N, C-alpha and C. Protein backbone atom coordinates (compact mmCIF):
# COMPACT_ATOMS: atom_id res chain seq x y z
N MET A 1 111.79 -73.74 -58.49
CA MET A 1 111.36 -72.63 -57.68
C MET A 1 109.92 -72.27 -58.05
N LEU A 2 109.06 -72.19 -57.06
CA LEU A 2 107.65 -71.87 -57.27
C LEU A 2 107.43 -70.36 -57.23
N PRO A 3 106.50 -69.86 -58.05
CA PRO A 3 106.21 -68.42 -58.00
C PRO A 3 105.49 -68.05 -56.71
N GLU A 4 105.63 -66.82 -56.33
CA GLU A 4 104.97 -66.29 -55.15
C GLU A 4 103.46 -66.16 -55.42
N ALA A 5 102.66 -66.19 -54.37
CA ALA A 5 101.21 -66.08 -54.51
C ALA A 5 100.82 -64.77 -55.17
N GLY A 6 101.49 -63.68 -54.84
CA GLY A 6 101.20 -62.37 -55.44
C GLY A 6 101.47 -62.36 -56.92
N ASP A 7 102.52 -63.09 -57.35
CA ASP A 7 102.85 -63.16 -58.77
C ASP A 7 101.76 -63.86 -59.56
N ILE A 8 101.19 -64.91 -59.00
CA ILE A 8 100.13 -65.65 -59.68
C ILE A 8 98.88 -64.79 -59.83
N ASP A 9 98.49 -64.10 -58.75
CA ASP A 9 97.33 -63.22 -58.83
C ASP A 9 97.52 -62.15 -59.89
N TRP A 10 98.71 -61.57 -59.94
CA TRP A 10 99.01 -60.52 -60.91
C TRP A 10 98.92 -61.08 -62.32
N SER A 11 99.46 -62.31 -62.54
CA SER A 11 99.43 -62.94 -63.87
C SER A 11 98.00 -63.23 -64.32
N VAL A 12 97.19 -63.72 -63.41
CA VAL A 12 95.79 -64.02 -63.73
C VAL A 12 95.06 -62.74 -64.10
N LYS A 13 95.29 -61.67 -63.34
CA LYS A 13 94.64 -60.39 -63.63
C LYS A 13 95.07 -59.86 -64.99
N MET A 14 96.35 -59.97 -65.31
CA MET A 14 96.85 -59.51 -66.60
C MET A 14 96.21 -60.30 -67.75
N LEU A 15 96.11 -61.62 -67.59
CA LEU A 15 95.47 -62.44 -68.62
C LEU A 15 94.00 -62.09 -68.77
N ASP A 16 93.32 -61.87 -67.66
CA ASP A 16 91.91 -61.48 -67.69
C ASP A 16 91.72 -60.17 -68.46
N ASP A 17 92.57 -59.19 -68.16
CA ASP A 17 92.49 -57.89 -68.83
C ASP A 17 92.76 -58.04 -70.34
N LYS A 18 93.73 -58.86 -70.68
CA LYS A 18 94.09 -59.06 -72.08
C LYS A 18 92.94 -59.72 -72.85
N ILE A 19 92.34 -60.74 -72.25
CA ILE A 19 91.21 -61.43 -72.89
C ILE A 19 90.05 -60.47 -73.08
N SER A 20 89.75 -59.66 -72.06
CA SER A 20 88.65 -58.69 -72.16
C SER A 20 88.89 -57.70 -73.29
N SER A 21 90.13 -57.22 -73.42
CA SER A 21 90.42 -56.24 -74.47
C SER A 21 90.32 -56.88 -75.85
N ILE A 22 90.72 -58.15 -75.98
CA ILE A 22 90.62 -58.84 -77.27
C ILE A 22 89.16 -59.03 -77.66
N VAL A 23 88.34 -59.44 -76.70
CA VAL A 23 86.92 -59.67 -76.97
C VAL A 23 86.23 -58.38 -77.36
N SER A 24 86.50 -57.29 -76.64
CA SER A 24 85.84 -56.02 -76.96
C SER A 24 86.32 -55.48 -78.30
N ALA A 25 87.61 -55.69 -78.63
CA ALA A 25 88.12 -55.25 -79.93
C ALA A 25 87.48 -56.05 -81.05
N ALA A 26 87.26 -57.33 -80.84
CA ALA A 26 86.62 -58.17 -81.86
C ALA A 26 85.19 -57.72 -82.10
N ASP A 27 84.45 -57.40 -81.03
CA ASP A 27 83.08 -56.92 -81.18
C ASP A 27 83.04 -55.58 -81.90
N ASP A 28 83.98 -54.67 -81.58
CA ASP A 28 84.03 -53.37 -82.22
C ASP A 28 84.37 -53.47 -83.69
N SER A 29 85.23 -54.42 -84.05
CA SER A 29 85.66 -54.52 -85.44
C SER A 29 84.54 -54.99 -86.36
N LYS A 30 83.57 -55.68 -85.83
CA LYS A 30 82.45 -56.16 -86.64
C LYS A 30 81.45 -55.05 -86.91
N GLY A 31 81.51 -53.97 -86.17
CA GLY A 31 80.57 -52.87 -86.36
C GLY A 31 79.17 -53.22 -85.90
N VAL A 32 79.06 -54.14 -84.98
CA VAL A 32 77.76 -54.59 -84.52
C VAL A 32 77.30 -53.73 -83.35
N GLU A 33 76.11 -53.21 -83.47
CA GLU A 33 75.48 -52.48 -82.37
C GLU A 33 74.29 -53.31 -81.94
N PRO A 34 74.43 -54.06 -80.83
CA PRO A 34 73.36 -54.97 -80.44
C PRO A 34 72.04 -54.27 -80.19
N ALA A 35 70.98 -54.98 -80.44
CA ALA A 35 69.64 -54.44 -80.24
C ALA A 35 69.28 -54.41 -78.77
N GLY A 36 69.85 -55.29 -77.98
CA GLY A 36 69.56 -55.33 -76.55
C GLY A 36 68.32 -56.14 -76.25
N ASP A 37 67.88 -56.05 -75.00
CA ASP A 37 66.74 -56.84 -74.56
C ASP A 37 65.40 -56.24 -74.97
N GLY A 38 65.39 -55.03 -75.52
CA GLY A 38 64.16 -54.34 -75.83
C GLY A 38 63.53 -54.73 -77.15
N VAL A 39 63.94 -55.81 -77.76
CA VAL A 39 63.38 -56.22 -79.05
C VAL A 39 62.05 -56.93 -78.81
N SER A 40 61.05 -56.54 -79.59
CA SER A 40 59.74 -57.19 -79.48
C SER A 40 59.13 -57.31 -80.87
N PHE A 41 58.08 -58.13 -80.97
CA PHE A 41 57.47 -58.32 -82.28
C PHE A 41 56.89 -56.99 -82.77
N GLY A 42 56.98 -56.80 -84.07
CA GLY A 42 56.52 -55.56 -84.67
C GLY A 42 57.61 -54.51 -84.81
N ASP A 43 58.78 -54.75 -84.22
CA ASP A 43 59.89 -53.80 -84.35
C ASP A 43 60.44 -53.83 -85.77
N ILE A 44 60.86 -52.68 -86.25
CA ILE A 44 61.53 -52.60 -87.54
C ILE A 44 63.02 -52.55 -87.23
N VAL A 45 63.76 -53.48 -87.84
CA VAL A 45 65.18 -53.62 -87.53
C VAL A 45 66.02 -53.56 -88.78
N LEU A 46 67.29 -53.26 -88.57
CA LEU A 46 68.28 -53.25 -89.64
C LEU A 46 69.24 -54.38 -89.37
N SER A 47 69.43 -55.24 -90.34
CA SER A 47 70.39 -56.34 -90.20
C SER A 47 71.79 -55.78 -90.32
N LYS A 48 72.65 -56.11 -89.35
CA LYS A 48 74.00 -55.56 -89.33
C LYS A 48 75.05 -56.51 -89.88
N ASN A 49 74.75 -57.80 -89.94
CA ASN A 49 75.73 -58.78 -90.39
C ASN A 49 75.07 -59.82 -91.29
N GLY A 50 75.91 -60.52 -92.05
CA GLY A 50 75.44 -61.64 -92.84
C GLY A 50 75.02 -61.26 -94.25
N ARG A 51 74.37 -62.20 -94.87
CA ARG A 51 73.94 -62.04 -96.26
C ARG A 51 73.00 -60.85 -96.44
N PHE A 52 72.18 -60.58 -95.44
CA PHE A 52 71.19 -59.50 -95.52
C PHE A 52 71.64 -58.24 -94.77
N ALA A 53 72.94 -58.02 -94.68
CA ALA A 53 73.46 -56.82 -93.99
C ALA A 53 72.91 -55.57 -94.66
N ASN A 54 72.53 -54.61 -93.85
CA ASN A 54 71.98 -53.31 -94.29
C ASN A 54 70.61 -53.43 -94.96
N HIS A 55 69.86 -54.49 -94.65
CA HIS A 55 68.49 -54.65 -95.12
C HIS A 55 67.54 -54.48 -93.94
N TYR A 56 66.37 -53.92 -94.22
CA TYR A 56 65.36 -53.70 -93.19
C TYR A 56 64.42 -54.90 -93.09
N PHE A 57 63.99 -55.20 -91.88
CA PHE A 57 63.08 -56.31 -91.63
C PHE A 57 62.11 -55.94 -90.52
N VAL A 58 61.04 -56.73 -90.40
CA VAL A 58 60.09 -56.62 -89.30
C VAL A 58 60.24 -57.87 -88.44
N VAL A 59 60.30 -57.67 -87.12
CA VAL A 59 60.42 -58.80 -86.20
C VAL A 59 59.04 -59.45 -86.05
N LEU A 60 59.00 -60.75 -86.32
CA LEU A 60 57.75 -61.49 -86.21
C LEU A 60 57.68 -62.30 -84.92
N LYS A 61 58.84 -62.68 -84.40
CA LYS A 61 58.88 -63.52 -83.20
C LYS A 61 60.22 -63.33 -82.50
N VAL A 62 60.19 -63.32 -81.17
CA VAL A 62 61.42 -63.24 -80.37
C VAL A 62 61.52 -64.51 -79.54
N GLU A 63 62.70 -65.13 -79.58
CA GLU A 63 62.89 -66.40 -78.89
C GLU A 63 64.33 -66.45 -78.36
N ASP A 64 64.51 -66.35 -77.04
CA ASP A 64 65.83 -66.36 -76.39
C ASP A 64 66.73 -65.30 -77.01
N ASN A 65 67.83 -65.71 -77.65
CA ASN A 65 68.78 -64.77 -78.25
C ASN A 65 68.55 -64.60 -79.74
N PHE A 66 67.41 -65.05 -80.22
CA PHE A 66 67.12 -65.00 -81.65
C PHE A 66 65.82 -64.26 -81.92
N VAL A 67 65.73 -63.72 -83.13
CA VAL A 67 64.49 -63.15 -83.63
C VAL A 67 64.19 -63.79 -84.98
N TYR A 68 62.93 -63.82 -85.33
CA TYR A 68 62.51 -64.27 -86.65
C TYR A 68 62.02 -63.03 -87.39
N ILE A 69 62.66 -62.75 -88.53
CA ILE A 69 62.40 -61.50 -89.24
C ILE A 69 61.98 -61.77 -90.68
N ALA A 70 61.19 -60.85 -91.23
CA ALA A 70 60.74 -60.96 -92.62
C ALA A 70 60.70 -59.57 -93.23
N ASN A 71 60.86 -59.54 -94.56
CA ASN A 71 60.75 -58.26 -95.27
C ASN A 71 59.63 -58.29 -96.31
N GLY A 72 58.94 -59.42 -96.43
CA GLY A 72 57.81 -59.52 -97.34
C GLY A 72 58.18 -59.73 -98.78
N LYS A 73 59.48 -59.76 -99.07
CA LYS A 73 59.92 -59.93 -100.46
C LYS A 73 60.85 -61.13 -100.56
N THR A 74 62.09 -60.99 -100.13
CA THR A 74 63.03 -62.12 -100.17
C THR A 74 62.82 -63.06 -98.99
N ARG A 75 62.36 -62.53 -97.89
CA ARG A 75 62.03 -63.33 -96.71
C ARG A 75 60.56 -63.10 -96.40
N LYS A 76 59.75 -64.10 -96.74
CA LYS A 76 58.30 -63.99 -96.57
C LYS A 76 57.89 -64.26 -95.13
N VAL A 77 56.67 -63.88 -94.81
CA VAL A 77 56.11 -64.08 -93.48
C VAL A 77 56.03 -65.58 -93.16
N ASP A 78 55.79 -66.40 -94.17
CA ASP A 78 55.68 -67.85 -93.97
C ASP A 78 57.02 -68.52 -93.70
N SER A 79 58.13 -67.90 -94.11
CA SER A 79 59.46 -68.49 -93.88
C SER A 79 60.43 -67.39 -93.44
N PRO A 80 60.27 -66.90 -92.21
CA PRO A 80 61.12 -65.81 -91.74
C PRO A 80 62.56 -66.25 -91.50
N LYS A 81 63.46 -65.30 -91.50
CA LYS A 81 64.88 -65.53 -91.24
C LYS A 81 65.12 -65.56 -89.75
N LYS A 82 65.84 -66.57 -89.28
CA LYS A 82 66.23 -66.65 -87.87
C LYS A 82 67.56 -65.92 -87.74
N LYS A 83 67.62 -64.92 -86.86
CA LYS A 83 68.82 -64.10 -86.74
C LYS A 83 69.11 -63.82 -85.27
N LYS A 84 70.38 -63.79 -84.92
CA LYS A 84 70.77 -63.47 -83.55
C LYS A 84 70.44 -62.01 -83.24
N ILE A 85 69.97 -61.77 -82.03
CA ILE A 85 69.60 -60.42 -81.63
C ILE A 85 70.79 -59.47 -81.72
N LYS A 86 71.99 -59.97 -81.41
CA LYS A 86 73.15 -59.08 -81.42
C LYS A 86 73.53 -58.63 -82.83
N HIS A 87 72.93 -59.22 -83.86
CA HIS A 87 73.25 -58.84 -85.23
C HIS A 87 72.21 -57.94 -85.86
N ILE A 88 71.33 -57.37 -85.06
CA ILE A 88 70.33 -56.44 -85.59
C ILE A 88 70.36 -55.14 -84.79
N GLN A 89 69.80 -54.10 -85.38
CA GLN A 89 69.67 -52.81 -84.72
C GLN A 89 68.22 -52.36 -84.87
N VAL A 90 67.58 -52.03 -83.76
CA VAL A 90 66.18 -51.60 -83.80
C VAL A 90 66.13 -50.18 -84.36
N ILE A 91 65.29 -49.99 -85.37
CA ILE A 91 65.14 -48.70 -86.04
C ILE A 91 63.85 -48.01 -85.59
N GLY A 92 62.80 -48.78 -85.44
CA GLY A 92 61.51 -48.21 -85.07
C GLY A 92 60.52 -49.31 -84.75
N LYS A 93 59.25 -48.95 -84.81
CA LYS A 93 58.19 -49.91 -84.51
C LYS A 93 57.05 -49.71 -85.48
N SER A 94 56.47 -50.81 -85.95
CA SER A 94 55.29 -50.75 -86.81
C SER A 94 54.07 -51.00 -85.93
N GLU A 95 53.35 -49.94 -85.64
CA GLU A 95 52.17 -50.06 -84.78
C GLU A 95 51.09 -50.93 -85.42
N HIS A 96 50.95 -50.83 -86.74
CA HIS A 96 49.94 -51.62 -87.45
C HIS A 96 50.21 -53.11 -87.29
N ILE A 97 51.44 -53.52 -87.52
CA ILE A 97 51.79 -54.93 -87.40
C ILE A 97 51.74 -55.39 -85.95
N THR A 98 52.17 -54.55 -85.04
CA THR A 98 52.13 -54.90 -83.62
C THR A 98 50.71 -55.16 -83.16
N SER A 99 49.79 -54.29 -83.56
CA SER A 99 48.39 -54.46 -83.13
C SER A 99 47.77 -55.70 -83.77
N LYS A 100 48.09 -55.97 -85.04
CA LYS A 100 47.55 -57.18 -85.68
C LYS A 100 48.07 -58.44 -85.01
N MET A 101 49.35 -58.45 -84.67
CA MET A 101 49.93 -59.63 -84.02
C MET A 101 49.35 -59.82 -82.62
N ALA A 102 49.13 -58.72 -81.91
CA ALA A 102 48.57 -58.80 -80.56
C ALA A 102 47.14 -59.35 -80.59
N ASN A 103 46.41 -59.04 -81.66
CA ASN A 103 45.04 -59.53 -81.81
C ASN A 103 44.97 -60.92 -82.42
N GLY A 104 46.14 -61.48 -82.77
CA GLY A 104 46.17 -62.82 -83.35
C GLY A 104 45.79 -62.87 -84.81
N GLU A 105 45.78 -61.73 -85.48
CA GLU A 105 45.43 -61.68 -86.90
C GLU A 105 46.65 -62.03 -87.76
N LYS A 106 46.38 -62.55 -88.95
CA LYS A 106 47.45 -62.92 -89.86
C LYS A 106 48.04 -61.66 -90.52
N ILE A 107 49.34 -61.66 -90.65
CA ILE A 107 50.04 -60.55 -91.28
C ILE A 107 50.41 -60.96 -92.70
N THR A 108 50.19 -60.07 -93.65
CA THR A 108 50.51 -60.39 -95.04
C THR A 108 51.87 -59.80 -95.41
N ASN A 109 52.45 -60.34 -96.47
CA ASN A 109 53.72 -59.83 -96.97
C ASN A 109 53.58 -58.39 -97.45
N ALA A 110 52.43 -58.05 -98.01
CA ALA A 110 52.20 -56.68 -98.49
C ALA A 110 52.22 -55.69 -97.31
N GLU A 111 51.63 -56.08 -96.18
CA GLU A 111 51.64 -55.21 -95.00
C GLU A 111 53.05 -55.01 -94.47
N VAL A 112 53.84 -56.05 -94.51
CA VAL A 112 55.23 -55.94 -94.07
C VAL A 112 55.99 -54.99 -94.99
N ARG A 113 55.81 -55.15 -96.30
CA ARG A 113 56.49 -54.26 -97.26
C ARG A 113 56.07 -52.81 -97.07
N ARG A 114 54.76 -52.58 -96.84
CA ARG A 114 54.27 -51.21 -96.62
C ARG A 114 54.88 -50.60 -95.36
N SER A 115 54.94 -51.37 -94.29
CA SER A 115 55.51 -50.88 -93.04
C SER A 115 56.99 -50.54 -93.20
N LEU A 116 57.72 -51.38 -93.93
CA LEU A 116 59.14 -51.12 -94.15
C LEU A 116 59.35 -49.90 -95.04
N ALA A 117 58.52 -49.75 -96.06
CA ALA A 117 58.64 -48.58 -96.95
C ALA A 117 58.39 -47.30 -96.17
N LYS A 118 57.38 -47.33 -95.30
CA LYS A 118 57.07 -46.17 -94.47
C LYS A 118 58.23 -45.85 -93.53
N ALA A 119 58.81 -46.89 -92.92
CA ALA A 119 59.93 -46.68 -91.99
C ALA A 119 61.17 -46.17 -92.71
N LYS A 120 61.44 -46.70 -93.89
CA LYS A 120 62.61 -46.25 -94.65
C LYS A 120 62.44 -44.80 -95.07
N GLY A 121 61.24 -44.42 -95.44
CA GLY A 121 60.97 -43.03 -95.81
C GLY A 121 61.22 -42.08 -94.68
N GLU A 122 60.87 -42.50 -93.46
CA GLU A 122 61.08 -41.66 -92.28
C GLU A 122 62.54 -41.59 -91.88
N THR A 123 63.31 -42.68 -92.07
CA THR A 123 64.71 -42.68 -91.65
C THR A 123 65.61 -42.03 -92.69
N ASP A 124 65.20 -42.00 -93.96
CA ASP A 124 66.01 -41.39 -95.00
C ASP A 124 65.99 -39.87 -94.94
N GLU A 125 64.96 -39.31 -94.34
CA GLU A 125 64.81 -37.84 -94.31
C GLU A 125 65.73 -37.20 -93.30
């Protein structure tokens, strides 16, 4: 005996709803708050997942769904960390670094550390 057409539509809808709820629950359980499409170079971000969770970084480059980030200490400007955009949270923007990058000037690790220290001081208050 074959199921009725209405039964199949209902079953597909139920499976769709179940899959959606599982996916959203999995995203919520990770505590990830995606940065969204508004990420640009010079942004100060907080890593939400991985080895560097809860560490601050400066975005040096944006590429598709990834950003290249550095903190000037464990992750230098010369070897930035590649991280998925959905695993970071934008905290602020470093105008100094943004302007230097826009002008094509080289950014130093000391400048990155200074920008992060300034941003952390503002967010801790």
